[in-house]
Amino acid sequence: MQNGEGAPTAAENTKKAVPEEVTKQSFRLKVWRHLETNGLAMFPRPVYNRIPNFKGATEAAAKLAELDIFKAANTIKVNPDKPQEPV
């Protein structure tokens, strides 16, 4: 690498130095992409902009029901979304 050839530009260095802003929406996008990319998404699709159904949702609901905090709750809010049906 002579005379800086192949070295990252100042703009590239800045992009790497500034972390991605973590927001509720950025986290949702990361999860939705992961579900789609790894074949974990189930009907209904696409998973974007909704509570996504995923492989293992029924098992997750069963584990939720085993939690002491869930058992002790006076009120449980369940949305009418496919992955929450077993809850």
PDB file of N, CA and C in Angstrom:
ATOM      1  N   MET A   1       0.856  -1.170   0.000  1.00  0.00           N
ATOM      2  CA  MET A   1       0.000   0.000   0.000  1.00  0.00           C
ATOM      3  C   MET A   1       0.901   1.232   0.000  1.00  0.00           C
ATOM      4  N   GLN A   2       1.081   1.815  -1.150  1.00  0.00           N
ATOM      5  CA  GLN A   2       1.911   2.996  -1.261  1.00  0.00           C
ATOM      6  C   GLN A   2       1.042   4.230  -1.415  1.00  0.00           C
ATOM      7  N   ASN A   3       1.484   5.310  -0.827  1.00  0.00           N
ATOM      8  CA  ASN A   3       0.785   6.591  -0.954  1.00  0.00           C
ATOM      9  C   ASN A   3      -0.686   6.495  -0.571  1.00  0.00           C
ATOM     10  N   GLY A   4      -0.998   5.615   0.363  1.00  0.00           N
ATOM     11  CA  GLY A   4      -2.372   5.520   0.835  1.00  0.00           C
ATOM     12  C   GLY A   4      -3.301   4.732  -0.067  1.00  0.00           C
ATOM     13  N   GLU A   5      -2.749   4.064  -1.095  1.00  0.00           N
ATOM     14  CA  GLU A   5      -3.601   3.278  -1.989  1.00  0.00           C
ATOM     15  C   GLU A   5      -4.267   2.154  -1.211  1.00  0.00           C
ATOM     16  N   GLY A   6      -5.565   2.003  -1.386  1.00  0.00           N
ATOM     17  CA  GLY A   6      -6.296   0.932  -0.720  1.00  0.00           C
ATOM     18  C   GLY A   6      -6.724   1.265   0.699  1.00  0.00           C
ATOM     19  N   ALA A   7      -6.258   2.389   1.214  1.00  0.00           N
ATOM     20  CA  ALA A   7      -6.646   2.790   2.568  1.00  0.00           C
ATOM     21  C   ALA A   7      -8.065   3.336   2.538  1.00  0.00           C
ATOM     22  N   PRO A   8      -8.819   3.144   3.630  1.00  0.00           N
ATOM     23  CA  PRO A   8     -10.176   3.689   3.664  1.00  0.00           C
ATOM     24  C   PRO A   8     -10.167   5.208   3.584  1.00  0.00           C
ATOM     25  N   THR A   9     -11.155   5.752   2.931  1.00  0.00           N
ATOM     26  CA  THR A   9     -11.275   7.208   2.829  1.00  0.00           C
ATOM     27  C   THR A   9     -11.746   7.769   4.163  1.00  0.00           C
ATOM     28  N   ALA A  10     -11.673   9.075   4.300  1.00  0.00           N
ATOM     29  CA  ALA A  10     -12.145   9.723   5.531  1.00  0.00           C
ATOM     30  C   ALA A  10     -13.625   9.444   5.738  1.00  0.00           C
ATOM     31  N   ALA A  11     -14.395   9.450   4.647  1.00  0.00           N
ATOM     32  CA  ALA A  11     -15.839   9.179   4.751  1.00  0.00           C
ATOM     33  C   ALA A  11     -16.087   7.755   5.237  1.00  0.00           C
ATOM     34  N   GLU A  12     -15.299   6.798   4.737  1.00  0.00           N
ATOM     35  CA  GLU A  12     -15.455   5.407   5.176  1.00  0.00           C
ATOM     36  C   GLU A  12     -15.087   5.257   6.647  1.00  0.00           C
ATOM     37  N   ASN A  13     -14.036   5.938   7.070  1.00  0.00           N
ATOM     38  CA  ASN A  13     -13.649   5.890   8.481  1.00  0.00           C
ATOM     39  C   ASN A  13     -14.741   6.467   9.365  1.00  0.00           C
ATOM     40  N   THR A  14     -15.354   7.556   8.928  1.00  0.00           N
ATOM     41  CA  THR A  14     -16.424   8.184   9.702  1.00  0.00           C
ATOM     42  C   THR A  14     -17.606   7.244   9.836  1.00  0.00           C
ATOM     43  N   LYS A  15     -17.959   6.562   8.747  1.00  0.00           N
ATOM     44  CA  LYS A  15     -19.091   5.634   8.788  1.00  0.00           C
ATOM     45  C   LYS A  15     -18.845   4.526   9.807  1.00  0.00           C
ATOM     46  N   LYS A  16     -17.620   4.031   9.864  1.00  0.00           N
ATOM     47  CA  LYS A  16     -17.296   2.948  10.793  1.00  0.00           C
ATOM     48  C   LYS A  16     -17.234   3.453  12.232  1.00  0.00           C
ATOM     49  N   ALA A  17     -16.826   4.696  12.405  1.00  0.00           N
ATOM     50  CA  ALA A  17     -16.653   5.235  13.747  1.00  0.00           C
ATOM     51  C   ALA A  17     -17.986   5.599  14.394  1.00  0.00           C
ATOM     52  N   VAL A  18     -18.986   5.912  13.576  1.00  0.00           N
ATOM     53  CA  VAL A  18     -20.284   6.312  14.111  1.00  0.00           C
ATOM     54  C   VAL A  18     -21.184   5.085  14.163  1.00  0.00           C
ATOM     55  N   PRO A  19     -21.556   4.647  15.361  1.00  0.00           N
ATOM     56  CA  PRO A  19     -22.412   3.462  15.453  1.00  0.00           C
ATOM     57  C   PRO A  19     -23.809   3.754  14.926  1.00  0.00           C
ATOM     58  N   GLU A  20     -24.460   2.692  14.444  1.00  0.00           N
ATOM     59  CA  GLU A  20     -25.840   2.823  13.982  1.00  0.00           C
ATOM     60  C   GLU A  20     -26.702   3.240  15.163  1.00  0.00           C
ATOM     61  N   GLU A  21     -27.593   4.186  14.925  1.00  0.00           N
ATOM     62  CA  GLU A  21     -28.489   4.631  15.988  1.00  0.00           C
ATOM     63  C   GLU A  21     -29.450   3.498  16.329  1.00  0.00           C
ATOM     64  N   VAL A  22     -29.524   3.157  17.601  1.00  0.00           N
ATOM     65  CA  VAL A  22     -30.415   2.088  18.040  1.00  0.00           C
ATOM     66  C   VAL A  22     -31.743   2.708  18.442  1.00  0.00           C
ATOM     67  N   THR A  23     -32.749   2.372  17.681  1.00  0.00           N
ATOM     68  CA  THR A  23     -34.099   2.830  17.961  1.00  0.00           C
ATOM     69  C   THR A  23     -35.014   1.612  17.941  1.00  0.00           C
ATOM     70  N   LYS A  24     -36.226   1.801  18.363  1.00  0.00           N
ATOM     71  CA  LYS A  24     -37.205   0.724  18.318  1.00  0.00           C
ATOM     72  C   LYS A  24     -37.360   0.235  16.872  1.00  0.00           C
ATOM     73  N   GLN A  25     -37.426   1.162  15.937  1.00  0.00           N
ATOM     74  CA  GLN A  25     -37.608   0.805  14.527  1.00  0.00           C
ATOM     75  C   GLN A  25     -36.378   0.101  13.966  1.00  0.00           C
ATOM     76  N   SER A  26     -35.175   0.555  14.312  1.00  0.00           N
ATOM     77  CA  SER A  26     -33.968  -0.096  13.790  1.00  0.00           C
ATOM     78  C   SER A  26     -33.855  -1.515  14.331  1.00  0.00           C
ATOM     79  N   PHE A  27     -34.267  -1.721  15.569  1.00  0.00           N
ATOM     80  CA  PHE A  27     -34.243  -3.060  16.152  1.00  0.00           C
ATOM     81  C   PHE A  27     -35.283  -3.950  15.472  1.00  0.00           C
ATOM     82  N   ARG A  28     -36.473  -3.406  15.224  1.00  0.00           N
ATOM     83  CA  ARG A  28     -37.511  -4.166  14.511  1.00  0.00           C
ATOM     84  C   ARG A  28     -37.004  -4.605  13.141  1.00  0.00           C
ATOM     85  N   LEU A  29     -36.395  -3.680  12.395  1.00  0.00           N
ATOM     86  CA  LEU A  29     -35.875  -4.011  11.070  1.00  0.00           C
ATOM     87  C   LEU A  29     -34.843  -5.123  11.139  1.00  0.00           C
ATOM     88  N   LYS A  30     -33.977  -5.055  12.139  1.00  0.00           N
ATOM     89  CA  LYS A  30     -32.951  -6.082  12.302  1.00  0.00           C
ATOM     90  C   LYS A  30     -33.595  -7.449  12.538  1.00  0.00           C
ATOM     91  N   VAL A  31     -34.609  -7.514  13.385  1.00  0.00           N
ATOM     92  CA  VAL A  31     -35.300  -8.772  13.682  1.00  0.00           C
ATOM     93  C   VAL A  31     -36.053  -9.265  12.452  1.00  0.00           C
ATOM     94  N   TRP A  32     -36.796  -8.380  11.788  1.00  0.00           N
ATOM     95  CA  TRP A  32     -37.552  -8.784  10.601  1.00  0.00           C
ATOM     96  C   TRP A  32     -36.621  -9.339   9.528  1.00  0.00           C
ATOM     97  N   ARG A  33     -35.495  -8.660   9.297  1.00  0.00           N
ATOM     98  CA  ARG A  33     -34.522  -9.140   8.296  1.00  0.00           C
ATOM     99  C   ARG A  33     -33.977 -10.506   8.692  1.00  0.00           C
ATOM    100  N   HIS A  34     -33.673 -10.675   9.969  1.00  0.00           N
ATOM    101  CA  HIS A  34     -33.149 -11.956  10.454  1.00  0.00           C
ATOM    102  C   HIS A  34     -34.155 -13.078  10.211  1.00  0.00           C
ATOM    103  N   LEU A  35     -35.418 -12.834  10.532  1.00  0.00           N
ATOM    104  CA  LEU A  35     -36.453 -13.847  10.324  1.00  0.00           C
ATOM    105  C   LEU A  35     -36.575 -14.212   8.849  1.00  0.00           C
ATOM    106  N   GLU A  36     -36.601 -13.221   7.978  1.00  0.00           N
ATOM    107  CA  GLU A  36     -36.737 -13.474   6.541  1.00  0.00           C
ATOM    108  C   GLU A  36     -35.491 -14.149   5.971  1.00  0.00           C
ATOM    109  N   THR A  37     -34.322 -13.643   6.313  1.00  0.00           N
ATOM    110  CA  THR A  37     -33.068 -14.155   5.764  1.00  0.00           C
ATOM    111  C   THR A  37     -32.781 -15.590   6.189  1.00  0.00           C
ATOM    112  N   ASN A  38     -33.173 -15.947   7.402  1.00  0.00           N
ATOM    113  CA  ASN A  38     -32.844 -17.265   7.942  1.00  0.00           C
ATOM    114  C   ASN A  38     -33.987 -18.271   7.852  1.00  0.00           C
ATOM    115  N   GLY A  39     -35.018 -17.946   7.087  1.00  0.00           N
ATOM    116  CA  GLY A  39     -36.118 -18.884   6.885  1.00  0.00           C
ATOM    117  C   GLY A  39     -36.916 -19.175   8.145  1.00  0.00           C
ATOM    118  N   LEU A  40     -37.005 -18.215   9.042  1.00  0.00           N
ATOM    119  CA  LEU A  40     -37.720 -18.411  10.304  1.00  0.00           C
ATOM    120  C   LEU A  40     -39.126 -17.828  10.275  1.00  0.00           C
ATOM    121  N   ALA A  41     -39.444 -17.073   9.232  1.00  0.00           N
ATOM    122  CA  ALA A  41     -40.752 -16.424   9.132  1.00  0.00           C
ATOM    123  C   ALA A  41     -41.811 -17.429   8.700  1.00  0.00           C
ATOM    124  N   MET A  42     -42.990 -17.292   9.286  1.00  0.00           N
ATOM    125  CA  MET A  42     -44.129 -18.145   8.945  1.00  0.00           C
ATOM    126  C   MET A  42     -45.265 -17.254   8.442  1.00  0.00           C
ATOM    127  N   PHE A  43     -46.322 -17.880   7.929  1.00  0.00           N
ATOM    128  CA  PHE A  43     -47.512 -17.157   7.487  1.00  0.00           C
ATOM    129  C   PHE A  43     -48.083 -16.358   8.646  1.00  0.00           C
ATOM    130  N   PRO A  44     -48.557 -15.158   8.455  1.00  0.00           N
ATOM    131  CA  PRO A  44     -48.631 -14.380   7.220  1.00  0.00           C
ATOM    132  C   PRO A  44     -47.325 -13.656   6.924  1.00  0.00           C
ATOM    133  N   ARG A  45     -47.053 -13.479   5.659  1.00  0.00           N
ATOM    134  CA  ARG A  45     -45.847 -12.818   5.202  1.00  0.00           C
ATOM    135  C   ARG A  45     -46.220 -11.679   4.284  1.00  0.00           C
ATOM    136  N   PRO A  46     -45.379 -10.712   4.109  1.00  0.00           N
ATOM    137  CA  PRO A  46     -44.069 -10.559   4.730  1.00  0.00           C
ATOM    138  C   PRO A  46     -44.194 -10.167   6.205  1.00  0.00           C
ATOM    139  N   VAL A  47     -43.101 -10.294   6.923  1.00  0.00           N
ATOM    140  CA  VAL A  47     -43.108 -10.047   8.367  1.00  0.00           C
ATOM    141  C   VAL A  47     -43.005  -8.565   8.720  1.00  0.00           C
ATOM    142  N   TYR A  48     -42.635  -7.741   7.752  1.00  0.00           N
ATOM    143  CA  TYR A  48     -42.400  -6.324   8.024  1.00  0.00           C
ATOM    144  C   TYR A  48     -43.673  -5.594   8.445  1.00  0.00           C
ATOM    145  N   ASN A  49     -43.500  -4.682   9.411  1.00  0.00           N
ATOM    146  CA  ASN A  49     -44.570  -3.803   9.905  1.00  0.00           C
ATOM    147  C   ASN A  49     -45.712  -4.550  10.576  1.00  0.00           C
ATOM    148  N   ARG A  50     -45.387  -5.638  11.248  1.00  0.00           N
ATOM    149  CA  ARG A  50     -46.388  -6.398  11.999  1.00  0.00           C
ATOM    150  C   ARG A  50     -45.674  -7.191  13.099  1.00  0.00           C
ATOM    151  N   ILE A  51     -46.456  -7.778  13.995  1.00  0.00           N
ATOM    152  CA  ILE A  51     -45.886  -8.744  14.927  1.00  0.00           C
ATOM    153  C   ILE A  51     -45.713 -10.019  14.113  1.00  0.00           C
ATOM    154  N   PRO A  52     -44.475 -10.419  13.834  1.00  0.00           N
ATOM    155  CA  PRO A  52     -44.263 -11.517  12.902  1.00  0.00           C
ATOM    156  C   PRO A  52     -44.513 -12.894  13.510  1.00  0.00           C
ATOM    157  N   ASN A  53     -45.083 -13.762  12.697  1.00  0.00           N
ATOM    158  CA  ASN A  53     -45.197 -15.157  13.081  1.00  0.00           C
ATOM    159  C   ASN A  53     -43.863 -15.818  12.756  1.00  0.00           C
ATOM    160  N   PHE A  54     -43.433 -16.750  13.581  1.00  0.00           N
ATOM    161  CA  PHE A  54     -42.118 -17.348  13.405  1.00  0.00           C
ATOM    162  C   PHE A  54     -42.142 -18.810  13.812  1.00  0.00           C
ATOM    163  N   LYS A  55     -41.188 -19.559  13.285  1.00  0.00           N
ATOM    164  CA  LYS A  55     -41.050 -20.962  13.663  1.00  0.00           C
ATOM    165  C   LYS A  55     -40.733 -21.010  15.151  1.00  0.00           C
ATOM    166  N   GLY A  56     -41.482 -21.799  15.900  1.00  0.00           N
ATOM    167  CA  GLY A  56     -41.264 -21.906  17.337  1.00  0.00           C
ATOM    168  C   GLY A  56     -42.183 -21.020  18.160  1.00  0.00           C
ATOM    169  N   ALA A  57     -43.126 -20.331  17.528  1.00  0.00           N
ATOM    170  CA  ALA A  57     -44.019 -19.428  18.264  1.00  0.00           C
ATOM    171  C   ALA A  57     -44.859 -20.187  19.289  1.00  0.00           C
ATOM    172  N   THR A  58     -45.322 -21.381  18.934  1.00  0.00           N
ATOM    173  CA  THR A  58     -46.132 -22.178  19.862  1.00  0.00           C
ATOM    174  C   THR A  58     -45.300 -22.597  21.070  1.00  0.00           C
ATOM    175  N   GLU A  59     -44.061 -23.008  20.817  1.00  0.00           N
ATOM    176  CA  GLU A  59     -43.161 -23.393  21.908  1.00  0.00           C
ATOM    177  C   GLU A  59     -42.832 -22.183  22.786  1.00  0.00           C
ATOM    178  N   ALA A  60     -42.660 -21.022  22.171  1.00  0.00           N
ATOM    179  CA  ALA A  60     -42.388 -19.796  22.935  1.00  0.00           C
ATOM    180  C   ALA A  60     -43.566 -19.457  23.841  1.00  0.00           C
ATOM    181  N   ALA A  61     -44.787 -19.649  23.343  1.00  0.00           N
ATOM    182  CA  ALA A  61     -45.986 -19.389  24.153  1.00  0.00           C
ATOM    183  C   ALA A  61     -46.046 -20.342  25.341  1.00  0.00           C
ATOM    184  N   ALA A  62     -45.675 -21.595  25.130  1.00  0.00           N
ATOM    185  CA  ALA A  62     -45.668 -22.573  26.223  1.00  0.00           C
ATOM    186  C   ALA A  62     -44.647 -22.179  27.288  1.00  0.00           C
ATOM    187  N   LYS A  63     -43.473 -21.718  26.858  1.00  0.00           N
ATOM    188  CA  LYS A  63     -42.446 -21.276  27.812  1.00  0.00           C
ATOM    189  C   LYS A  63     -42.910 -20.040  28.575  1.00  0.00           C
ATOM    190  N   LEU A  64     -43.593 -19.141  27.877  1.00  0.00           N
ATOM    191  CA  LEU A  64     -44.132 -17.946  28.523  1.00  0.00           C
ATOM    192  C   LEU A  64     -45.091 -18.332  29.641  1.00  0.00           C
ATOM    193  N   ALA A  65     -45.950 -19.305  29.369  1.00  0.00           N
ATOM    194  CA  ALA A  65     -46.947 -19.748  30.350  1.00  0.00           C
ATOM    195  C   ALA A  65     -46.309 -20.373  31.587  1.00  0.00           C
ATOM    196  N   GLU A  66     -45.062 -20.806  31.488  1.00  0.00           N
ATOM    197  CA  GLU A  66     -44.355 -21.412  32.620  1.00  0.00           C
ATOM    198  C   GLU A  66     -43.712 -20.373  33.539  1.00  0.00           C
ATOM    199  N   LEU A  67     -43.582 -19.142  33.092  1.00  0.00           N
ATOM    200  CA  LEU A  67     -42.923 -18.108  33.893  1.00  0.00           C
ATOM    201  C   LEU A  67     -43.778 -17.710  35.091  1.00  0.00           C
ATOM    202  N   ASP A  68     -43.141 -17.578  36.247  1.00  0.00           N
ATOM    203  CA  ASP A  68     -43.851 -17.187  37.469  1.00  0.00           C
ATOM    204  C   ASP A  68     -44.546 -15.836  37.304  1.00  0.00           C
ATOM    205  N   ILE A  69     -43.874 -14.892  36.661  1.00  0.00           N
ATOM    206  CA  ILE A  69     -44.461 -13.561  36.490  1.00  0.00           C
ATOM    207  C   ILE A  69     -45.724 -13.631  35.624  1.00  0.00           C
ATOM    208  N   PHE A  70     -45.735 -14.533  34.655  1.00  0.00           N
ATOM    209  CA  PHE A  70     -46.915 -14.718  33.804  1.00  0.00           C
ATOM    210  C   PHE A  70     -48.046 -15.344  34.617  1.00  0.00           C
ATOM    211  N   LYS A  71     -47.704 -16.356  35.410  1.00  0.00           N
ATOM    212  CA  LYS A  71     -48.710 -17.041  36.234  1.00  0.00           C
ATOM    213  C   LYS A  71     -49.319 -16.099  37.273  1.00  0.00           C
ATOM    214  N   ALA A  72     -48.504 -15.175  37.794  1.00  0.00           N
ATOM    215  CA  ALA A  72     -48.959 -14.273  38.853  1.00  0.00           C
ATOM    216  C   ALA A  72     -49.688 -13.038  38.317  1.00  0.00           C
ATOM    217  N   ALA A  73     -49.648 -12.828  37.021  1.00  0.00           N
ATOM    218  CA  ALA A  73     -50.250 -11.617  36.447  1.00  0.00           C
ATOM    219  C   ALA A  73     -51.761 -11.607  36.605  1.00  0.00           C
ATOM    220  N   ASN A  74     -52.295 -10.441  36.938  1.00  0.00           N
ATOM    221  CA  ASN A  74     -53.745 -10.266  37.026  1.00  0.00           C
ATOM    222  C   ASN A  74     -54.360 -10.055  35.649  1.00  0.00           C
ATOM    223  N   THR A  75     -53.605  -9.422  34.774  1.00  0.00           N
ATOM    224  CA  THR A  75     -54.081  -9.122  33.427  1.00  0.00           C
ATOM    225  C   THR A  75     -52.995  -9.467  32.420  1.00  0.00           C
ATOM    226  N   ILE A  76     -53.387 -10.080  31.322  1.00  0.00           N
ATOM    227  CA  ILE A  76     -52.464 -10.399  30.232  1.00  0.00           C
ATOM    228  C   ILE A  76     -53.026  -9.773  28.960  1.00  0.00           C
ATOM    229  N   LYS A  77     -52.221  -8.972  28.282  1.00  0.00           N
ATOM    230  CA  LYS A  77     -52.646  -8.381  27.010  1.00  0.00           C
ATOM    231  C   LYS A  77     -52.112  -9.254  25.884  1.00  0.00           C
ATOM    232  N   VAL A  78     -53.007  -9.717  25.038  1.00  0.00           N
ATOM    233  CA  VAL A  78     -52.626 -10.520  23.882  1.00  0.00           C
ATOM    234  C   VAL A  78     -53.198  -9.851  22.642  1.00  0.00           C
ATOM    235  N   ASN A  79     -52.349  -9.631  21.662  1.00  0.00           N
ATOM    236  CA  ASN A  79     -52.791  -9.035  20.400  1.00  0.00           C
ATOM    237  C   ASN A  79     -53.366 -10.121  19.494  1.00  0.00           C
ATOM    238  N   PRO A  80     -54.241  -9.753  18.584  1.00  0.00           N
ATOM    239  CA  PRO A  80     -54.836 -10.744  17.685  1.00  0.00           C
ATOM    240  C   PRO A  80     -53.921 -11.090  16.511  1.00  0.00           C
ATOM    241  N   ASP A  81     -52.657 -11.319  16.807  1.00  0.00           N
ATOM    242  CA  ASP A  81     -51.684 -11.666  15.778  1.00  0.00           C
ATOM    243  C   ASP A  81     -51.385 -13.157  15.850  1.00  0.00           C
ATOM    244  N   LYS A  82     -51.093 -13.746  14.713  1.00  0.00           N
ATOM    245  CA  LYS A  82     -50.889 -15.188  14.588  1.00  0.00           C
ATOM    246  C   LYS A  82     -49.932 -15.765  15.640  1.00  0.00           C
ATOM    247  N   PRO A  83     -48.765 -15.179  15.886  1.00  0.00           N
ATOM    248  CA  PRO A  83     -47.849 -15.809  16.839  1.00  0.00           C
ATOM    249  C   PRO A  83     -48.332 -15.761  18.285  1.00  0.00           C
ATOM    250  N   GLN A  84     -49.334 -14.922  18.581  1.00  0.00           N
ATOM    251  CA  GLN A  84     -49.829 -14.823  19.950  1.00  0.00           C
ATOM    252  C   GLN A  84     -51.096 -15.646  20.179  1.00  0.00           C
ATOM    253  N   GLU A  85     -51.587 -16.328  19.152  1.00  0.00           N
ATOM    254  CA  GLU A  85     -52.792 -17.159  19.314  1.00  0.00           C
ATOM    255  C   GLU A  85     -52.655 -18.184  20.441  1.00  0.00           C
ATOM    256  N   PRO A  86     -51.517 -18.891  20.555  1.00  0.00           N
ATOM    257  CA  PRO A  86     -51.407 -19.900  21.620  1.00  0.00           C
ATOM    258  C   PRO A  86     -51.370 -19.321  23.030  1.00  0.00           C
ATOM    259  N   VAL A  87     -51.060 -18.043  23.157  1.00  0.00           N
ATOM    260  CA  VAL A  87     -50.975 -17.413  24.477  1.00  0.00           C
ATOM    261  C   VAL A  87     -52.368 -17.311  25.056  1.00  0.00           C
TER     262      VAL A  87
END
